[in-house]
Amino acid sequence: MSLTTAPPRKPSLLRTITSSLNLTLGLFIIVVFFGGALISLVWTPFDVASLDIPNKLKAPGLPHLMGTDHFGRDVFSMILVGARTSIAVAVVAVGIGMGLGVPLGLAAAVRPGSFMDELIMRGNDLVFAFPALLIAIMITAVFGPGAVNAILAIGIFNIPVFARLSRGAALSLWTRDFVLSARVAGKGAVRISYEHILPNILNLLIVQGTIQFSLGILAEAGLSYVGLGAQPPIPSWGRMLAESQTMISFAPHLALFPGLAIVFTVLGLNLMGDGLRDILDPKIRRER
């Protein structure tokens, strides 16, 4: 009689998440800010569009937990709505970068050194030569400032990031046995890329997506700071910092709270990215 051992059970999703401290902390921070952004869709403690001049520059306390600004608007309510603005801009911008960059990178990896590969990579170099702020300035000069133009600027800058990453990861897979078997079976380059290459580089794309998401929030805040992002009366963390810079000496809370919101959101996304890398990277899992 032979004894067979049962295959090891896969850990549950909750255990997988809690096994990484970075992922746990990052998810907690992001859930808090995403939750605040969702709540602001239906409710905020005060109307961010109404002015209350008699109560301007109030220090943090009740009923204004984070004080009021120079127009008497509730800072906490503006932080909630600003989270919605920053997250929306970053999500769409990263979606543009990933949606266009990944197919371009996969197409370039099919035949390294070909005309298509050179065209895509030189185009990436051209986009990299123009920072997101400069792209935003050029778009603004034509179409005017606004959240949509900030999305376009950040999204365009993200395209070569994902194109380079997907191309580099795909190149190492085109010589693998399972890809050669797919080619022998008569599958074309497009089908192989999306059925065999893409699933094997998806973990890298997810981790890079979290990193670009945090950079997108920073970029949106920077563009709003110089007046190229979301326009009044839509609150934005970057514009809140810009408006508070002349009042830091007597109303420091105006710069403190939006600054902390940016710091903690970016920190949470970076921690989540590190945690996802630890979980999704097979090399790190084997070392553990």
C-alpha atoms as a PDB file:
ATOM      1  CA  MET A   1       0.000   0.000   0.000  1.00  0.00           C
ATOM      2  CA  SER A   2       1.428   3.345  -1.016  1.00  0.00           C
ATOM      3  CA  LEU A   3       0.807   6.512   0.872  1.00  0.00           C
ATOM      4  CA  THR A   4       0.138   9.657  -1.121  1.00  0.00           C
ATOM      5  CA  THR A   5       0.489  13.100   0.308  1.00  0.00           C
ATOM      6  CA  ALA A   6      -2.154  15.679  -0.386  1.00  0.00           C
ATOM      7  CA  PRO A   7      -1.011  18.607  -2.487  1.00  0.00           C
ATOM      8  CA  PRO A   8      -0.320  21.735  -0.459  1.00  0.00           C
ATOM      9  CA  ARG A   9      -3.255  24.085  -0.266  1.00  0.00           C
ATOM     10  CA  LYS A  10      -2.877  27.530  -1.727  1.00  0.00           C
ATOM     11  CA  PRO A  11      -3.004  30.268   0.899  1.00  0.00           C
ATOM     12  CA  SER A  12      -6.177  32.323   0.990  1.00  0.00           C
ATOM     13  CA  LEU A  13      -6.281  35.825  -0.473  1.00  0.00           C
ATOM     14  CA  LEU A  14      -6.469  37.376   3.011  1.00  0.00           C
ATOM     15  CA  ARG A  15      -3.452  35.405   4.212  1.00  0.00           C
ATOM     16  CA  THR A  16      -1.522  36.346   1.072  1.00  0.00           C
ATOM     17  CA  ILE A  17      -2.235  40.036   1.635  1.00  0.00           C
ATOM     18  CA  THR A  18      -1.427  39.994   5.345  1.00  0.00           C
ATOM     19  CA  SER A  19       1.818  38.099   4.701  1.00  0.00           C
ATOM     20  CA  SER A  20       3.286  41.317   3.299  1.00  0.00           C
ATOM     21  CA  LEU A  21       3.445  44.243   5.722  1.00  0.00           C
ATOM     22  CA  ASN A  22       4.035  46.701   2.876  1.00  0.00           C
ATOM     23  CA  LEU A  23       0.976  45.491   0.994  1.00  0.00           C
ATOM     24  CA  THR A  24      -1.189  45.566   4.120  1.00  0.00           C
ATOM     25  CA  LEU A  25      -0.209  49.120   5.049  1.00  0.00           C
ATOM     26  CA  GLY A  26      -0.401  50.309   1.462  1.00  0.00           C
ATOM     27  CA  LEU A  27      -3.862  48.841   0.927  1.00  0.00           C
ATOM     28  CA  PHE A  28      -5.102  50.358   4.194  1.00  0.00           C
ATOM     29  CA  ILE A  29      -3.920  53.849   3.215  1.00  0.00           C
ATOM     30  CA  ILE A  30      -5.309  53.558  -0.299  1.00  0.00           C
ATOM     31  CA  VAL A  31      -8.671  52.231   0.916  1.00  0.00           C
ATOM     32  CA  VAL A  32      -8.965  55.240   3.235  1.00  0.00           C
ATOM     33  CA  PHE A  33      -8.300  57.745   0.454  1.00  0.00           C
ATOM     34  CA  PHE A  34     -10.338  55.899  -2.169  1.00  0.00           C
ATOM     35  CA  GLY A  35     -13.159  55.618   0.346  1.00  0.00           C
ATOM     36  CA  GLY A  36     -13.023  59.358   0.991  1.00  0.00           C
ATOM     37  CA  ALA A  37     -13.088  60.032  -2.749  1.00  0.00           C
ATOM     38  CA  LEU A  38     -16.144  57.790  -3.199  1.00  0.00           C
ATOM     39  CA  ILE A  39     -17.946  59.350  -0.242  1.00  0.00           C
ATOM     40  CA  SER A  40     -17.342  62.819  -1.684  1.00  0.00           C
ATOM     41  CA  LEU A  41     -19.447  61.833  -4.702  1.00  0.00           C
ATOM     42  CA  VAL A  42     -22.580  61.870  -2.553  1.00  0.00           C
ATOM     43  CA  TRP A  43     -21.654  63.751   0.628  1.00  0.00           C
ATOM     44  CA  THR A  44     -19.191  66.235   2.075  1.00  0.00           C
ATOM     45  CA  PRO A  45     -19.414  67.954   5.486  1.00  0.00           C
ATOM     46  CA  PHE A  46     -19.688  71.358   3.754  1.00  0.00           C
ATOM     47  CA  ASP A  47     -20.294  72.583   0.235  1.00  0.00           C
ATOM     48  CA  VAL A  48     -16.895  73.251  -1.347  1.00  0.00           C
ATOM     49  CA  ALA A  49     -18.405  75.692  -3.835  1.00  0.00           C
ATOM     50  CA  SER A  50     -19.989  78.028  -1.264  1.00  0.00           C
ATOM     51  CA  LEU A  51     -18.025  80.889   0.267  1.00  0.00           C
ATOM     52  CA  ASP A  52     -18.218  81.806   3.950  1.00  0.00           C
ATOM     53  CA  ILE A  53     -16.055  84.924   4.297  1.00  0.00           C
ATOM     54  CA  PRO A  54     -16.913  85.606   7.981  1.00  0.00           C
ATOM     55  CA  ASN A  55     -15.415  82.202   8.885  1.00  0.00           C
ATOM     56  CA  LYS A  56     -12.302  82.433   6.739  1.00  0.00           C
ATOM     57  CA  LEU A  57      -8.922  81.145   7.997  1.00  0.00           C
ATOM     58  CA  LYS A  58     -10.413  79.298  10.966  1.00  0.00           C
ATOM     59  CA  ALA A  59      -7.965  77.011  12.782  1.00  0.00           C
ATOM     60  CA  PRO A  60      -8.714  73.253  12.874  1.00  0.00           C
ATOM     61  CA  GLY A  61     -11.489  72.416  15.319  1.00  0.00           C
ATOM     62  CA  LEU A  62     -15.234  71.968  15.406  1.00  0.00           C
ATOM     63  CA  PRO A  63     -17.146  72.049  13.140  1.00  0.00           C
ATOM     64  CA  HIS A  64     -14.275  72.458  10.657  1.00  0.00           C
ATOM     65  CA  LEU A  65     -11.931  69.570  11.485  1.00  0.00           C
ATOM     66  CA  MET A  66      -9.127  70.884   9.261  1.00  0.00           C
ATOM     67  CA  GLY A  67     -10.022  74.563   9.449  1.00  0.00           C
ATOM     68  CA  THR A  68     -11.135  76.843   6.641  1.00  0.00           C
ATOM     69  CA  ASP A  69      -9.312  78.591   3.810  1.00  0.00           C
ATOM     70  CA  HIS A  70      -9.170  82.279   2.852  1.00  0.00           C
ATOM     71  CA  PHE A  71     -12.672  82.031   1.357  1.00  0.00           C
ATOM     72  CA  GLY A  72     -14.168  80.260   4.368  1.00  0.00           C
ATOM     73  CA  ARG A  73     -14.397  76.895   2.601  1.00  0.00           C
ATOM     74  CA  ASP A  74     -14.021  73.755   4.686  1.00  0.00           C
ATOM     75  CA  VAL A  75     -10.531  72.275   4.117  1.00  0.00           C
ATOM     76  CA  PHE A  76     -11.592  68.726   5.016  1.00  0.00           C
ATOM     77  CA  SER A  77     -14.351  68.783   2.393  1.00  0.00           C
ATOM     78  CA  MET A  78     -11.894  70.127  -0.164  1.00  0.00           C
ATOM     79  CA  ILE A  79      -9.431  67.335   0.691  1.00  0.00           C
ATOM     80  CA  LEU A  80     -12.154  64.747   0.022  1.00  0.00           C
ATOM     81  CA  VAL A  81     -13.139  66.266  -3.321  1.00  0.00           C
ATOM     82  CA  GLY A  82      -9.474  66.833  -4.198  1.00  0.00           C
ATOM     83  CA  ALA A  83      -8.841  63.115  -3.660  1.00  0.00           C
ATOM     84  CA  ARG A  84     -11.514  62.368  -6.235  1.00  0.00           C
ATOM     85  CA  THR A  85      -9.877  64.727  -8.710  1.00  0.00           C
ATOM     86  CA  SER A  86      -6.349  63.380  -8.216  1.00  0.00           C
ATOM     87  CA  ILE A  87      -7.415  59.733  -8.355  1.00  0.00           C
ATOM     88  CA  ALA A  88      -9.566  60.239 -11.447  1.00  0.00           C
ATOM     89  CA  VAL A  89      -6.774  62.020 -13.330  1.00  0.00           C
ATOM     90  CA  ALA A  90      -4.169  59.401 -12.341  1.00  0.00           C
ATOM     91  CA  VAL A  91      -6.407  56.418 -13.163  1.00  0.00           C
ATOM     92  CA  VAL A  92      -7.296  57.650 -16.641  1.00  0.00           C
ATOM     93  CA  ALA A  93      -3.718  58.762 -17.372  1.00  0.00           C
ATOM     94  CA  VAL A  94      -2.270  55.382 -16.353  1.00  0.00           C
ATOM     95  CA  GLY A  95      -5.019  53.682 -18.369  1.00  0.00           C
ATOM     96  CA  ILE A  96      -3.973  55.663 -21.445  1.00  0.00           C
ATOM     97  CA  GLY A  97      -0.305  54.820 -20.895  1.00  0.00           C
ATOM     98  CA  MET A  98      -0.952  51.123 -20.346  1.00  0.00           C
ATOM     99  CA  GLY A  99      -3.602  50.797 -23.059  1.00  0.00           C
ATOM    100  CA  LEU A 100      -1.327  52.269 -25.744  1.00  0.00           C
ATOM    101  CA  GLY A 101       2.134  51.476 -24.393  1.00  0.00           C
ATOM    102  CA  VAL A 102       1.710  47.733 -23.817  1.00  0.00           C
ATOM    103  CA  PRO A 103       0.536  46.910 -27.377  1.00  0.00           C
ATOM    104  CA  LEU A 104       3.354  49.033 -28.793  1.00  0.00           C
ATOM    105  CA  GLY A 105       5.914  47.240 -26.622  1.00  0.00           C
ATOM    106  CA  LEU A 106       4.572  43.808 -27.570  1.00  0.00           C
ATOM    107  CA  ALA A 107       4.648  44.755 -31.259  1.00  0.00           C
ATOM    108  CA  ALA A 108       8.246  45.977 -30.979  1.00  0.00           C
ATOM    109  CA  ALA A 109       9.344  42.724 -29.296  1.00  0.00           C
ATOM    110  CA  VAL A 110       8.112  40.493 -32.124  1.00  0.00           C
ATOM    111  CA  ARG A 111      11.085  41.291 -34.354  1.00  0.00           C
ATOM    112  CA  PRO A 112      13.904  43.085 -32.505  1.00  0.00           C
ATOM    113  CA  GLY A 113      15.848  45.424 -34.761  1.00  0.00           C
ATOM    114  CA  SER A 114      13.121  45.581 -37.399  1.00  0.00           C
ATOM    115  CA  PHE A 115      11.723  48.788 -38.839  1.00  0.00           C
ATOM    116  CA  MET A 116       8.687  48.534 -36.554  1.00  0.00           C
ATOM    117  CA  ASP A 117      10.896  48.078 -33.484  1.00  0.00           C
ATOM    118  CA  GLU A 118      13.087  51.048 -34.389  1.00  0.00           C
ATOM    119  CA  LEU A 119      10.087  53.243 -35.166  1.00  0.00           C
ATOM    120  CA  ILE A 120       8.408  52.501 -31.835  1.00  0.00           C
ATOM    121  CA  MET A 121      11.546  52.863 -29.727  1.00  0.00           C
ATOM    122  CA  ARG A 122      12.669  56.094 -31.393  1.00  0.00           C
ATOM    123  CA  GLY A 123       9.158  57.433 -30.873  1.00  0.00           C
ATOM    124  CA  ASN A 124       9.497  56.538 -27.188  1.00  0.00           C
ATOM    125  CA  ASP A 125      12.794  58.408 -27.034  1.00  0.00           C
ATOM    126  CA  LEU A 126      11.107  61.450 -28.571  1.00  0.00           C
ATOM    127  CA  VAL A 127       8.322  61.440 -25.973  1.00  0.00           C
ATOM    128  CA  PHE A 128      10.841  60.956 -23.145  1.00  0.00           C
ATOM    129  CA  ALA A 129      12.617  64.098 -24.323  1.00  0.00           C
ATOM    130  CA  PHE A 130       9.560  66.148 -23.267  1.00  0.00           C
ATOM    131  CA  PRO A 131       8.647  65.971 -19.544  1.00  0.00           C
ATOM    132  CA  ALA A 132       4.994  65.797 -18.551  1.00  0.00           C
ATOM    133  CA  LEU A 133       5.034  69.460 -17.485  1.00  0.00           C
ATOM    134  CA  LEU A 134       6.355  70.582 -20.870  1.00  0.00           C
ATOM    135  CA  ILE A 135       3.783  68.431 -22.676  1.00  0.00           C
ATOM    136  CA  ALA A 136       1.070  69.980 -20.496  1.00  0.00           C
ATOM    137  CA  ILE A 137       2.292  73.477 -21.362  1.00  0.00           C
ATOM    138  CA  MET A 138       2.170  72.692 -25.085  1.00  0.00           C
ATOM    139  CA  ILE A 139      -1.330  71.179 -24.809  1.00  0.00           C
ATOM    140  CA  THR A 140      -2.498  74.103 -22.679  1.00  0.00           C
ATOM    141  CA  ALA A 141      -1.189  76.593 -25.219  1.00  0.00           C
ATOM    142  CA  VAL A 142      -3.500  75.007 -27.807  1.00  0.00           C
ATOM    143  CA  PHE A 143      -6.558  73.892 -25.832  1.00  0.00           C
ATOM    144  CA  GLY A 144      -6.300  75.817 -22.546  1.00  0.00           C
ATOM    145  CA  PRO A 145      -5.747  74.558 -18.964  1.00  0.00           C
ATOM    146  CA  GLY A 146      -7.952  71.901 -17.388  1.00  0.00           C
ATOM    147  CA  ALA A 147      -8.135  68.409 -15.925  1.00  0.00           C
ATOM    148  CA  VAL A 148      -8.600  66.795 -19.362  1.00  0.00           C
ATOM    149  CA  ASN A 149      -5.381  68.355 -20.641  1.00  0.00           C
ATOM    150  CA  ALA A 150      -3.549  67.209 -17.504  1.00  0.00           C
ATOM    151  CA  ILE A 151      -4.797  63.679 -18.173  1.00  0.00           C
ATOM    152  CA  LEU A 152      -3.522  63.848 -21.756  1.00  0.00           C
ATOM    153  CA  ALA A 153      -0.119  65.155 -20.682  1.00  0.00           C
ATOM    154  CA  ILE A 154       0.403  62.520 -17.986  1.00  0.00           C
ATOM    155  CA  GLY A 155      -1.041  59.770 -20.190  1.00  0.00           C
ATOM    156  CA  ILE A 156       1.249  60.595 -23.112  1.00  0.00           C
ATOM    157  CA  PHE A 157       4.257  60.534 -20.793  1.00  0.00           C
ATOM    158  CA  ASN A 158       3.212  57.083 -19.494  1.00  0.00           C
ATOM    159  CA  ILE A 159       3.056  55.481 -22.943  1.00  0.00           C
ATOM    160  CA  PRO A 160       6.839  54.998 -23.426  1.00  0.00           C
ATOM    161  CA  VAL A 161       7.190  53.768 -19.837  1.00  0.00           C
ATOM    162  CA  PHE A 162       4.879  50.812 -20.440  1.00  0.00           C
ATOM    163  CA  ALA A 163       6.160  50.314 -23.985  1.00  0.00           C
ATOM    164  CA  ARG A 164       9.756  49.907 -22.811  1.00  0.00           C
ATOM    165  CA  LEU A 165       8.778  47.663 -19.908  1.00  0.00           C
ATOM    166  CA  SER A 166       6.586  45.345 -21.983  1.00  0.00           C
ATOM    167  CA  ARG A 167       9.135  45.164 -24.810  1.00  0.00           C
ATOM    168  CA  GLY A 168      12.004  44.293 -22.474  1.00  0.00           C
ATOM    169  CA  ALA A 169       9.976  41.643 -20.645  1.00  0.00           C
ATOM    170  CA  ALA A 170       8.574  40.166 -23.868  1.00  0.00           C
ATOM    171  CA  LEU A 171      11.988  39.843 -25.531  1.00  0.00           C
ATOM    172  CA  SER A 172      13.105  37.313 -22.921  1.00  0.00           C
ATOM    173  CA  LEU A 173       9.986  35.211 -23.533  1.00  0.00           C
ATOM    174  CA  TRP A 174      10.044  34.921 -27.323  1.00  0.00           C
ATOM    175  CA  THR A 175      12.852  32.331 -27.128  1.00  0.00           C
ATOM    176  CA  ARG A 176      11.118  30.187 -24.503  1.00  0.00           C
ATOM    177  CA  ASP A 177       9.925  26.686 -25.364  1.00  0.00           C
ATOM    178  CA  PHE A 178       6.220  27.397 -24.861  1.00  0.00           C
ATOM    179  CA  VAL A 179       6.394  30.268 -27.350  1.00  0.00           C
ATOM    180  CA  LEU A 180       8.281  28.142 -29.875  1.00  0.00           C
ATOM    181  CA  SER A 181       5.631  25.446 -29.469  1.00  0.00           C
ATOM    182  CA  ALA A 182       2.905  28.004 -30.141  1.00  0.00           C
ATOM    183  CA  ARG A 183       4.688  29.113 -33.314  1.00  0.00           C
ATOM    184  CA  VAL A 184       5.016  25.507 -34.490  1.00  0.00           C
ATOM    185  CA  ALA A 185       1.263  25.110 -33.853  1.00  0.00           C
ATOM    186  CA  GLY A 186       0.667  27.854 -36.402  1.00  0.00           C
ATOM    187  CA  LYS A 187      -0.241  30.729 -34.106  1.00  0.00           C
ATOM    188  CA  GLY A 188       0.527  34.224 -35.366  1.00  0.00           C
ATOM    189  CA  ALA A 189       2.559  36.891 -33.595  1.00  0.00           C
ATOM    190  CA  VAL A 190      -0.497  38.811 -32.397  1.00  0.00           C
ATOM    191  CA  ARG A 191      -2.141  35.715 -30.932  1.00  0.00           C
ATOM    192  CA  ILE A 192       1.068  34.579 -29.246  1.00  0.00           C
ATOM    193  CA  SER A 193       1.596  38.035 -27.758  1.00  0.00           C
ATOM    194  CA  TYR A 194      -1.837  38.180 -26.131  1.00  0.00           C
ATOM    195  CA  GLU A 195      -2.264  34.496 -25.239  1.00  0.00           C
ATOM    196  CA  HIS A 196       1.256  33.660 -24.046  1.00  0.00           C
ATOM    197  CA  ILE A 197       3.431  36.757 -23.646  1.00  0.00           C
ATOM    198  CA  LEU A 198       1.006  39.169 -21.990  1.00  0.00           C
ATOM    199  CA  PRO A 199      -0.145  36.809 -19.186  1.00  0.00           C
ATOM    200  CA  ASN A 200       3.489  36.163 -18.247  1.00  0.00           C
ATOM    201  CA  ILE A 201       4.404  39.840 -17.957  1.00  0.00           C
ATOM    202  CA  LEU A 202       1.149  40.929 -16.324  1.00  0.00           C
ATOM    203  CA  ASN A 203       2.692  40.906 -12.835  1.00  0.00           C
ATOM    204  CA  LEU A 204       5.350  43.395 -13.964  1.00  0.00           C
ATOM    205  CA  LEU A 205       2.715  45.619 -15.535  1.00  0.00           C
ATOM    206  CA  ILE A 206       0.595  45.610 -12.370  1.00  0.00           C
ATOM    207  CA  VAL A 207       3.532  46.626 -10.191  1.00  0.00           C
ATOM    208  CA  GLN A 208       4.606  49.311 -12.656  1.00  0.00           C
ATOM    209  CA  GLY A 209       1.003  50.498 -12.847  1.00  0.00           C
ATOM    210  CA  THR A 210       0.944  51.211  -9.101  1.00  0.00           C
ATOM    211  CA  ILE A 211       4.207  53.133  -9.400  1.00  0.00           C
ATOM    212  CA  GLN A 212       2.937  55.190 -12.337  1.00  0.00           C
ATOM    213  CA  PHE A 213      -0.309  55.777 -10.461  1.00  0.00           C
ATOM    214  CA  SER A 214       1.606  57.401  -7.591  1.00  0.00           C
ATOM    215  CA  LEU A 215       3.662  59.427 -10.060  1.00  0.00           C
ATOM    216  CA  GLY A 216       0.423  60.433 -11.776  1.00  0.00           C
ATOM    217  CA  ILE A 217      -0.947  61.866  -8.526  1.00  0.00           C
ATOM    218  CA  LEU A 218       2.300  63.796  -8.021  1.00  0.00           C
ATOM    219  CA  ALA A 219       2.193  65.028 -11.619  1.00  0.00           C
ATOM    220  CA  GLU A 220      -1.439  66.126 -11.282  1.00  0.00           C
ATOM    221  CA  ALA A 221      -0.606  68.016  -8.087  1.00  0.00           C
ATOM    222  CA  GLY A 222       2.369  69.647  -9.805  1.00  0.00           C
ATOM    223  CA  LEU A 223       0.333  70.689 -12.841  1.00  0.00           C
ATOM    224  CA  SER A 224      -2.440  72.079 -10.644  1.00  0.00           C
ATOM    225  CA  TYR A 225       0.173  73.913  -8.568  1.00  0.00           C
ATOM    226  CA  VAL A 226       1.294  75.881 -11.636  1.00  0.00           C
ATOM    227  CA  GLY A 227      -2.285  76.377 -12.829  1.00  0.00           C
ATOM    228  CA  LEU A 228      -2.387  73.773 -15.617  1.00  0.00           C
ATOM    229  CA  GLY A 229      -4.525  71.138 -13.878  1.00  0.00           C
ATOM    230  CA  ALA A 230      -8.106  71.150 -12.619  1.00  0.00           C
ATOM    231  CA  GLN A 231      -9.537  74.660 -12.648  1.00  0.00           C
ATOM    232  CA  PRO A 232     -11.707  76.407 -10.015  1.00  0.00           C
ATOM    233  CA  PRO A 233     -14.170  75.729  -8.540  1.00  0.00           C
ATOM    234  CA  ILE A 234     -13.008  72.067  -8.642  1.00  0.00           C
ATOM    235  CA  PRO A 235     -10.703  71.535  -5.625  1.00  0.00           C
ATOM    236  CA  SER A 236      -7.240  70.129  -6.249  1.00  0.00           C
ATOM    237  CA  TRP A 237      -4.500  69.300  -3.776  1.00  0.00           C
ATOM    238  CA  GLY A 238      -1.853  71.021  -5.881  1.00  0.00           C
ATOM    239  CA  ARG A 239      -3.828  74.228  -6.245  1.00  0.00           C
ATOM    240  CA  MET A 240      -4.600  74.196  -2.516  1.00  0.00           C
ATOM    241  CA  LEU A 241      -0.839  74.199  -1.897  1.00  0.00           C
ATOM    242  CA  ALA A 242      -0.322  77.013  -4.393  1.00  0.00           C
ATOM    243  CA  GLU A 243      -3.021  79.157  -2.802  1.00  0.00           C
ATOM    244  CA  SER A 244      -1.662  78.586   0.706  1.00  0.00           C
ATOM    245  CA  GLN A 245       1.994  79.443   0.090  1.00  0.00           C
ATOM    246  CA  THR A 246       1.514  83.120   0.953  1.00  0.00           C
ATOM    247  CA  MET A 247      -0.382  82.310   4.159  1.00  0.00           C
ATOM    248  CA  ILE A 248       1.841  79.635   5.739  1.00  0.00           C
ATOM    249  CA  SER A 249       3.055  81.982   8.479  1.00  0.00           C
ATOM    250  CA  PHE A 250      -0.421  82.624   9.937  1.00  0.00           C
ATOM    251  CA  ALA A 251      -2.475  79.688   8.531  1.00  0.00           C
ATOM    252  CA  PRO A 252      -0.123  76.681   8.219  1.00  0.00           C
ATOM    253  CA  HIS A 253      -3.019  74.223   8.148  1.00  0.00           C
ATOM    254  CA  LEU A 254      -3.832  75.315   4.595  1.00  0.00           C
ATOM    255  CA  ALA A 255      -0.580  73.779   3.346  1.00  0.00           C
ATOM    256  CA  LEU A 256      -0.234  71.017   5.950  1.00  0.00           C
ATOM    257  CA  PHE A 257      -3.326  68.959   5.162  1.00  0.00           C
ATOM    258  CA  PRO A 258      -3.167  68.841   1.342  1.00  0.00           C
ATOM    259  CA  GLY A 259       0.567  68.192   1.616  1.00  0.00           C
ATOM    260  CA  LEU A 260      -0.035  65.273   3.981  1.00  0.00           C
ATOM    261  CA  ALA A 261      -2.761  63.955   1.663  1.00  0.00           C
ATOM    262  CA  ILE A 262      -0.308  63.852  -1.245  1.00  0.00           C
ATOM    263  CA  VAL A 263       2.455  62.305   0.871  1.00  0.00           C
ATOM    264  CA  PHE A 264       0.311  59.541   2.347  1.00  0.00           C
ATOM    265  CA  THR A 265      -1.402  58.679  -0.932  1.00  0.00           C
ATOM    266  CA  VAL A 266       1.910  58.339  -2.772  1.00  0.00           C
ATOM    267  CA  LEU A 267       3.390  56.441   0.180  1.00  0.00           C
ATOM    268  CA  GLY A 268       0.443  54.028   0.212  1.00  0.00           C
ATOM    269  CA  LEU A 269       0.723  53.362  -3.513  1.00  0.00           C
ATOM    270  CA  ASN A 270       4.477  52.775  -3.298  1.00  0.00           C
ATOM    271  CA  LEU A 271       4.041  50.397  -0.356  1.00  0.00           C
ATOM    272  CA  MET A 272       1.324  48.560  -2.258  1.00  0.00           C
ATOM    273  CA  GLY A 273       3.585  48.306  -5.291  1.00  0.00           C
ATOM    274  CA  ASP A 274       6.414  46.850  -3.202  1.00  0.00           C
ATOM    275  CA  GLY A 275       4.022  44.378  -1.605  1.00  0.00           C
ATOM    276  CA  LEU A 276       2.608  43.285  -4.952  1.00  0.00           C
ATOM    277  CA  ARG A 277       6.123  42.804  -6.295  1.00  0.00           C
ATOM    278  CA  ASP A 278       7.002  40.607  -3.305  1.00  0.00           C
ATOM    279  CA  ILE A 279       3.912  38.466  -3.870  1.00  0.00           C
ATOM    280  CA  LEU A 280       3.867  38.298  -7.672  1.00  0.00           C
ATOM    281  CA  ASP A 281       7.597  37.919  -8.356  1.00  0.00           C
ATOM    282  CA  PRO A 282       8.401  34.165  -8.357  1.00  0.00           C
ATOM    283  CA  LYS A 283      12.085  34.768  -7.646  1.00  0.00           C
ATOM    284  CA  ILE A 284      11.315  36.622  -4.416  1.00  0.00           C
ATOM    285  CA  ARG A 285       8.801  33.942  -3.420  1.00  0.00           C
ATOM    286  CA  ARG A 286      11.422  31.230  -3.896  1.00  0.00           C
ATOM    287  CA  GLU A 287      13.984  33.147  -1.846  1.00  0.00           C
ATOM    288  CA  ARG A 288      11.464  33.313   0.997  1.00  0.00           C
END
